[in-house]
Amino acid sequence: LVNVNAFAVYTNGILNPVSSISIEGGQIVLNLANSFSSGTITVGYTASSSGGITDIAGNIASSFTFGTVADGYLSGAAVYIDQNGNGIVNVGTDYYVGQTDSHGNFFLPADAPIGALMAIGGVNVDTQLPNTMTLLAPVGSNVINPLTTIVQNVIYAQSLTPDYNTTLSISAQVAQALGISIPAGQTFAS
């Protein structure tokens, strides 16, 4: 049994408490206390000492974060963490996170190594066309898209320290160069 307090769900940046949980086949369904319109949904999970979500072998998942690959949403994209800092997926070297679902979602385990996120392959669910580029996102991102790719490429090109402040600064520079705005204190990757 999974405790509702093990989950923290934010809809458009506002905490939306989990009122109940149900298991449907291989899916965990979170029923939220408040309705919401479309927008960004962030899900966090932390296991309790008495148990939590387990894999088929019975190992407890300590925690994970939820992310999305979007250039349109990309279904079936392979998500990796860049372990050698080169921005190119190196199978066997880079950490394989998993494949996105039909809505471009993926789960990043809490014990995953730190590094930029990379997504390759998949199909754009809007156009049904295959994705032919590598999408990137800075360390700590929960979104991988063309704008986060620009931000991460600037970080790579300038050999900057991959942290939140760097991402915040480069996101602001990219937004200004493109003539668009992002909310104060936010990045393209959050």
C-alpha atoms as a PDB file:
ATOM      1  CA  LEU A   1       0.000   0.000   0.000  1.00  0.00           C
ATOM      2  CA  VAL A   2       1.355   3.412  -0.995  1.00  0.00           C
ATOM      3  CA  ASN A   3       0.645   6.411   1.236  1.00  0.00           C
ATOM      4  CA  VAL A   4      -0.875   9.499  -0.456  1.00  0.00           C
ATOM      5  CA  ASN A   5       1.647  11.626   1.442  1.00  0.00           C
ATOM      6  CA  ALA A   6       4.464   9.914  -0.471  1.00  0.00           C
ATOM      7  CA  PHE A   7       3.505  12.051  -3.511  1.00  0.00           C
ATOM      8  CA  ALA A   8       3.841  15.789  -4.072  1.00  0.00           C
ATOM      9  CA  VAL A   9       1.923  16.907  -7.150  1.00  0.00           C
ATOM     10  CA  TYR A  10       2.128  20.452  -8.462  1.00  0.00           C
ATOM     11  CA  THR A  11      -0.219  21.712 -11.175  1.00  0.00           C
ATOM     12  CA  ASN A  12       0.999  24.934 -12.783  1.00  0.00           C
ATOM     13  CA  GLY A  13       3.378  25.417  -9.834  1.00  0.00           C
ATOM     14  CA  ILE A  14       0.710  25.074  -7.116  1.00  0.00           C
ATOM     15  CA  LEU A  15       0.631  22.114  -4.701  1.00  0.00           C
ATOM     16  CA  ASN A  16      -2.378  19.908  -5.508  1.00  0.00           C
ATOM     17  CA  PRO A  17      -2.775  17.281  -2.747  1.00  0.00           C
ATOM     18  CA  VAL A  18      -3.330  13.632  -3.650  1.00  0.00           C
ATOM     19  CA  SER A  19      -6.691  12.569  -2.237  1.00  0.00           C
ATOM     20  CA  SER A  20      -6.478   8.876  -3.112  1.00  0.00           C
ATOM     21  CA  ILE A  21      -4.434   6.324  -5.027  1.00  0.00           C
ATOM     22  CA  SER A  22      -5.581   3.347  -7.055  1.00  0.00           C
ATOM     23  CA  ILE A  23      -3.720   0.642  -8.928  1.00  0.00           C
ATOM     24  CA  GLU A  24      -4.979  -0.165 -12.428  1.00  0.00           C
ATOM     25  CA  GLY A  25      -2.970  -2.916 -14.051  1.00  0.00           C
ATOM     26  CA  GLY A  26       0.635  -1.711 -14.079  1.00  0.00           C
ATOM     27  CA  GLN A  27      -0.287   1.931 -13.465  1.00  0.00           C
ATOM     28  CA  ILE A  28      -0.560   3.940 -10.268  1.00  0.00           C
ATOM     29  CA  VAL A  29      -3.419   6.444 -10.586  1.00  0.00           C
ATOM     30  CA  LEU A  30      -3.253   9.549  -8.404  1.00  0.00           C
ATOM     31  CA  ASN A  31      -6.580  11.250  -7.755  1.00  0.00           C
ATOM     32  CA  LEU A  32      -6.009  14.924  -6.967  1.00  0.00           C
ATOM     33  CA  ALA A  33      -7.943  17.034  -4.475  1.00  0.00           C
ATOM     34  CA  ASN A  34      -8.318  20.010  -6.807  1.00  0.00           C
ATOM     35  CA  SER A  35      -9.305  20.203 -10.463  1.00  0.00           C
ATOM     36  CA  PHE A  36      -6.980  22.105 -12.798  1.00  0.00           C
ATOM     37  CA  SER A  37      -6.762  23.311 -16.363  1.00  0.00           C
ATOM     38  CA  SER A  38      -4.092  22.172 -18.775  1.00  0.00           C
ATOM     39  CA  GLY A  39      -0.540  23.160 -18.000  1.00  0.00           C
ATOM     40  CA  THR A  40       2.583  21.884 -16.315  1.00  0.00           C
ATOM     41  CA  ILE A  41       2.221  18.959 -13.930  1.00  0.00           C
ATOM     42  CA  THR A  42       5.116  17.961 -11.691  1.00  0.00           C
ATOM     43  CA  VAL A  43       5.033  14.752  -9.650  1.00  0.00           C
ATOM     44  CA  GLY A  44       7.460  13.919  -6.873  1.00  0.00           C
ATOM     45  CA  TYR A  45       7.567  10.722  -4.853  1.00  0.00           C
ATOM     46  CA  THR A  46       9.444   9.677  -1.715  1.00  0.00           C
ATOM     47  CA  ALA A  47       9.092   6.216  -0.159  1.00  0.00           C
ATOM     48  CA  SER A  48       8.492   5.802   3.552  1.00  0.00           C
ATOM     49  CA  SER A  49      10.576   3.494   5.725  1.00  0.00           C
ATOM     50  CA  SER A  50       7.647   1.065   5.841  1.00  0.00           C
ATOM     51  CA  GLY A  51       7.479   0.615   2.076  1.00  0.00           C
ATOM     52  CA  GLY A  52       6.540   2.181  -1.195  1.00  0.00           C
ATOM     53  CA  ILE A  53       6.322   1.482  -4.896  1.00  0.00           C
ATOM     54  CA  THR A  54       8.259  -1.649  -5.786  1.00  0.00           C
ATOM     55  CA  ASP A  55       9.578  -3.119  -8.992  1.00  0.00           C
ATOM     56  CA  ILE A  56       8.831  -6.674 -10.089  1.00  0.00           C
ATOM     57  CA  ALA A  57      11.747  -7.936  -7.962  1.00  0.00           C
ATOM     58  CA  GLY A  58      10.341  -6.271  -4.824  1.00  0.00           C
ATOM     59  CA  ASN A  59      12.914  -3.447  -4.647  1.00  0.00           C
ATOM     60  CA  ILE A  60      11.435  -0.267  -3.177  1.00  0.00           C
ATOM     61  CA  ALA A  61      11.726   2.827  -5.366  1.00  0.00           C
ATOM     62  CA  SER A  62      13.044   5.425  -2.927  1.00  0.00           C
ATOM     63  CA  SER A  63      11.885   8.393  -5.008  1.00  0.00           C
ATOM     64  CA  PHE A  64      11.653   9.723  -8.533  1.00  0.00           C
ATOM     65  CA  THR A  65      10.833  12.856 -10.459  1.00  0.00           C
ATOM     66  CA  PHE A  66       8.582  13.204 -13.459  1.00  0.00           C
ATOM     67  CA  GLY A  67       9.690  14.746 -16.744  1.00  0.00           C
ATOM     68  CA  THR A  68       8.413  15.395 -20.250  1.00  0.00           C
ATOM     69  CA  VAL A  69      10.031  15.419 -23.696  1.00  0.00           C
ATOM     70  CA  ALA A  70       8.228  17.919 -25.883  1.00  0.00           C
ATOM     71  CA  ASP A  71       8.715  18.999 -29.476  1.00  0.00           C
ATOM     72  CA  GLY A  72       5.098  18.262 -29.745  1.00  0.00           C
ATOM     73  CA  TYR A  73       5.131  15.420 -27.220  1.00  0.00           C
ATOM     74  CA  LEU A  74       7.630  12.706 -28.194  1.00  0.00           C
ATOM     75  CA  SER A  75       6.406   9.169 -27.689  1.00  0.00           C
ATOM     76  CA  GLY A  76       9.008   6.394 -27.532  1.00  0.00           C
ATOM     77  CA  ALA A  77      12.014   8.724 -27.176  1.00  0.00           C
ATOM     78  CA  ALA A  78      15.013   7.253 -25.349  1.00  0.00           C
ATOM     79  CA  VAL A  79      16.123   9.472 -22.441  1.00  0.00           C
ATOM     80  CA  TYR A  80      19.718   9.445 -21.196  1.00  0.00           C
ATOM     81  CA  ILE A  81      21.871  11.369 -18.725  1.00  0.00           C
ATOM     82  CA  ASP A  82      25.063  12.710 -20.286  1.00  0.00           C
ATOM     83  CA  GLN A  83      27.894  11.152 -18.265  1.00  0.00           C
ATOM     84  CA  ASN A  84      30.876  12.431 -20.250  1.00  0.00           C
ATOM     85  CA  GLY A  85      29.603  15.952 -20.943  1.00  0.00           C
ATOM     86  CA  ASN A  86      29.782  15.778 -24.731  1.00  0.00           C
ATOM     87  CA  GLY A  87      26.075  16.215 -25.567  1.00  0.00           C
ATOM     88  CA  ILE A  88      26.057  13.053 -27.679  1.00  0.00           C
ATOM     89  CA  VAL A  89      24.330   9.846 -26.604  1.00  0.00           C
ATOM     90  CA  ASN A  90      26.989   7.205 -26.006  1.00  0.00           C
ATOM     91  CA  VAL A  91      25.158   3.931 -25.340  1.00  0.00           C
ATOM     92  CA  GLY A  92      27.011   2.021 -22.642  1.00  0.00           C
ATOM     93  CA  THR A  93      28.593   5.193 -21.233  1.00  0.00           C
ATOM     94  CA  ASP A  94      25.620   7.464 -20.665  1.00  0.00           C
ATOM     95  CA  TYR A  95      22.997   6.539 -18.064  1.00  0.00           C
ATOM     96  CA  TYR A  96      19.824   5.188 -19.676  1.00  0.00           C
ATOM     97  CA  VAL A  97      16.745   6.617 -17.933  1.00  0.00           C
ATOM     98  CA  GLY A  98      14.121   4.905 -20.081  1.00  0.00           C
ATOM     99  CA  GLN A  99      11.665   5.493 -22.861  1.00  0.00           C
ATOM    100  CA  THR A 100       8.915   8.106 -22.928  1.00  0.00           C
ATOM    101  CA  ASP A 101       5.270   7.061 -22.822  1.00  0.00           C
ATOM    102  CA  SER A 102       2.596   8.052 -25.344  1.00  0.00           C
ATOM    103  CA  HIS A 103       2.496  11.581 -23.863  1.00  0.00           C
ATOM    104  CA  GLY A 104       6.261  12.172 -23.761  1.00  0.00           C
ATOM    105  CA  ASN A 105       6.544  11.457 -20.014  1.00  0.00           C
ATOM    106  CA  PHE A 106       9.423   9.740 -18.248  1.00  0.00           C
ATOM    107  CA  PHE A 107      10.420   9.061 -14.642  1.00  0.00           C
ATOM    108  CA  LEU A 108      13.878   9.873 -13.340  1.00  0.00           C
ATOM    109  CA  PRO A 109      14.914   7.800 -10.305  1.00  0.00           C
ATOM    110  CA  ALA A 110      16.339   9.720  -7.344  1.00  0.00           C
ATOM    111  CA  ASP A 111      19.547   7.691  -7.432  1.00  0.00           C
ATOM    112  CA  ALA A 112      20.252   8.538 -11.085  1.00  0.00           C
ATOM    113  CA  PRO A 113      23.621  10.207 -11.723  1.00  0.00           C
ATOM    114  CA  ILE A 114      23.834  13.961 -12.238  1.00  0.00           C
ATOM    115  CA  GLY A 115      24.187  15.303 -15.760  1.00  0.00           C
ATOM    116  CA  ALA A 116      22.403  16.989 -18.626  1.00  0.00           C
ATOM    117  CA  LEU A 117      19.397  15.140 -20.016  1.00  0.00           C
ATOM    118  CA  MET A 118      19.352  13.906 -23.616  1.00  0.00           C
ATOM    119  CA  ALA A 119      16.453  12.507 -25.649  1.00  0.00           C
ATOM    120  CA  ILE A 120      16.783  10.744 -28.988  1.00  0.00           C
ATOM    121  CA  GLY A 121      14.338   9.089 -31.341  1.00  0.00           C
ATOM    122  CA  GLY A 122      10.642   8.815 -30.728  1.00  0.00           C
ATOM    123  CA  VAL A 123       7.675  10.071 -32.685  1.00  0.00           C
ATOM    124  CA  ASN A 124       5.974  13.471 -32.452  1.00  0.00           C
ATOM    125  CA  VAL A 125       2.421  12.622 -31.339  1.00  0.00           C
ATOM    126  CA  ASP A 126       0.995  15.682 -33.147  1.00  0.00           C
ATOM    127  CA  THR A 127       2.538  15.102 -36.580  1.00  0.00           C
ATOM    128  CA  GLN A 128       3.346  11.367 -36.344  1.00  0.00           C
ATOM    129  CA  LEU A 129       6.792  12.211 -37.758  1.00  0.00           C
ATOM    130  CA  PRO A 130       9.946  10.671 -36.300  1.00  0.00           C
ATOM    131  CA  ASN A 131      12.237  12.827 -34.181  1.00  0.00           C
ATOM    132  CA  THR A 132      15.608  13.066 -35.934  1.00  0.00           C
ATOM    133  CA  MET A 133      17.498  15.324 -33.542  1.00  0.00           C
ATOM    134  CA  THR A 134      19.000  15.032 -30.083  1.00  0.00           C
ATOM    135  CA  LEU A 135      17.123  17.185 -27.594  1.00  0.00           C
ATOM    136  CA  LEU A 136      19.018  18.347 -24.501  1.00  0.00           C
ATOM    137  CA  ALA A 137      18.203  19.888 -21.122  1.00  0.00           C
ATOM    138  CA  PRO A 138      20.361  21.205 -18.272  1.00  0.00           C
ATOM    139  CA  VAL A 139      20.981  19.397 -14.994  1.00  0.00           C
ATOM    140  CA  GLY A 140      17.862  19.412 -12.799  1.00  0.00           C
ATOM    141  CA  SER A 141      15.417  19.875 -15.663  1.00  0.00           C
ATOM    142  CA  ASN A 142      12.016  18.226 -15.829  1.00  0.00           C
ATOM    143  CA  VAL A 143      11.378  19.331 -19.416  1.00  0.00           C
ATOM    144  CA  ILE A 144      13.403  18.493 -22.525  1.00  0.00           C
ATOM    145  CA  ASN A 145      12.485  20.598 -25.566  1.00  0.00           C
ATOM    146  CA  PRO A 146      14.049  22.762 -28.307  1.00  0.00           C
ATOM    147  CA  LEU A 147      14.499  25.746 -25.954  1.00  0.00           C
ATOM    148  CA  THR A 148      16.225  23.656 -23.277  1.00  0.00           C
ATOM    149  CA  THR A 149      18.411  22.302 -26.086  1.00  0.00           C
ATOM    150  CA  ILE A 150      19.553  25.841 -26.921  1.00  0.00           C
ATOM    151  CA  VAL A 151      20.226  26.571 -23.228  1.00  0.00           C
ATOM    152  CA  GLN A 152      22.224  23.353 -22.755  1.00  0.00           C
ATOM    153  CA  ASN A 153      24.220  23.947 -25.954  1.00  0.00           C
ATOM    154  CA  VAL A 154      25.226  27.397 -24.623  1.00  0.00           C
ATOM    155  CA  ILE A 155      26.282  25.761 -21.343  1.00  0.00           C
ATOM    156  CA  TYR A 156      28.373  23.209 -23.276  1.00  0.00           C
ATOM    157  CA  ALA A 157      29.870  25.853 -25.610  1.00  0.00           C
ATOM    158  CA  GLN A 158      30.920  28.102 -22.725  1.00  0.00           C
ATOM    159  CA  SER A 159      32.061  25.215 -20.475  1.00  0.00           C
ATOM    160  CA  LEU A 160      29.877  26.562 -17.658  1.00  0.00           C
ATOM    161  CA  THR A 161      29.167  24.923 -14.297  1.00  0.00           C
ATOM    162  CA  PRO A 162      25.962  22.906 -14.726  1.00  0.00           C
ATOM    163  CA  ASP A 163      23.769  24.171 -11.865  1.00  0.00           C
ATOM    164  CA  TYR A 164      20.476  25.989 -11.301  1.00  0.00           C
ATOM    165  CA  ASN A 165      22.006  29.486 -11.305  1.00  0.00           C
ATOM    166  CA  THR A 166      23.755  28.820 -14.609  1.00  0.00           C
ATOM    167  CA  THR A 167      20.524  27.490 -16.134  1.00  0.00           C
ATOM    168  CA  LEU A 168      18.613  30.523 -14.817  1.00  0.00           C
ATOM    169  CA  SER A 169      21.167  32.955 -16.260  1.00  0.00           C
ATOM    170  CA  ILE A 170      21.452  31.257 -19.666  1.00  0.00           C
ATOM    171  CA  SER A 171      17.644  30.852 -19.916  1.00  0.00           C
ATOM    172  CA  ALA A 172      17.283  34.613 -19.385  1.00  0.00           C
ATOM    173  CA  GLN A 173      19.920  35.326 -22.049  1.00  0.00           C
ATOM    174  CA  VAL A 174      18.263  32.982 -24.564  1.00  0.00           C
ATOM    175  CA  ALA A 175      14.812  34.454 -23.846  1.00  0.00           C
ATOM    176  CA  GLN A 176      16.135  37.986 -24.379  1.00  0.00           C
ATOM    177  CA  ALA A 177      17.867  36.990 -27.634  1.00  0.00           C
ATOM    178  CA  LEU A 178      14.639  35.400 -28.910  1.00  0.00           C
ATOM    179  CA  GLY A 179      12.463  38.299 -27.723  1.00  0.00           C
ATOM    180  CA  ILE A 180      10.327  36.130 -25.457  1.00  0.00           C
ATOM    181  CA  SER A 181       9.721  36.216 -21.724  1.00  0.00           C
ATOM    182  CA  ILE A 182       9.713  33.612 -19.002  1.00  0.00           C
ATOM    183  CA  PRO A 183       8.430  34.169 -15.445  1.00  0.00           C
ATOM    184  CA  ALA A 184      10.990  35.668 -13.054  1.00  0.00           C
ATOM    185  CA  GLY A 185      13.024  33.006 -11.277  1.00  0.00           C
ATOM    186  CA  GLN A 186      12.028  30.271 -13.744  1.00  0.00           C
ATOM    187  CA  THR A 187      13.901  28.607 -16.557  1.00  0.00           C
ATOM    188  CA  PHE A 188      12.855  26.965 -19.801  1.00  0.00           C
ATOM    189  CA  ALA A 189      13.625  23.653 -18.050  1.00  0.00           C
ATOM    190  CA  SER A 190      11.160  23.935 -15.177  1.00  0.00           C
END
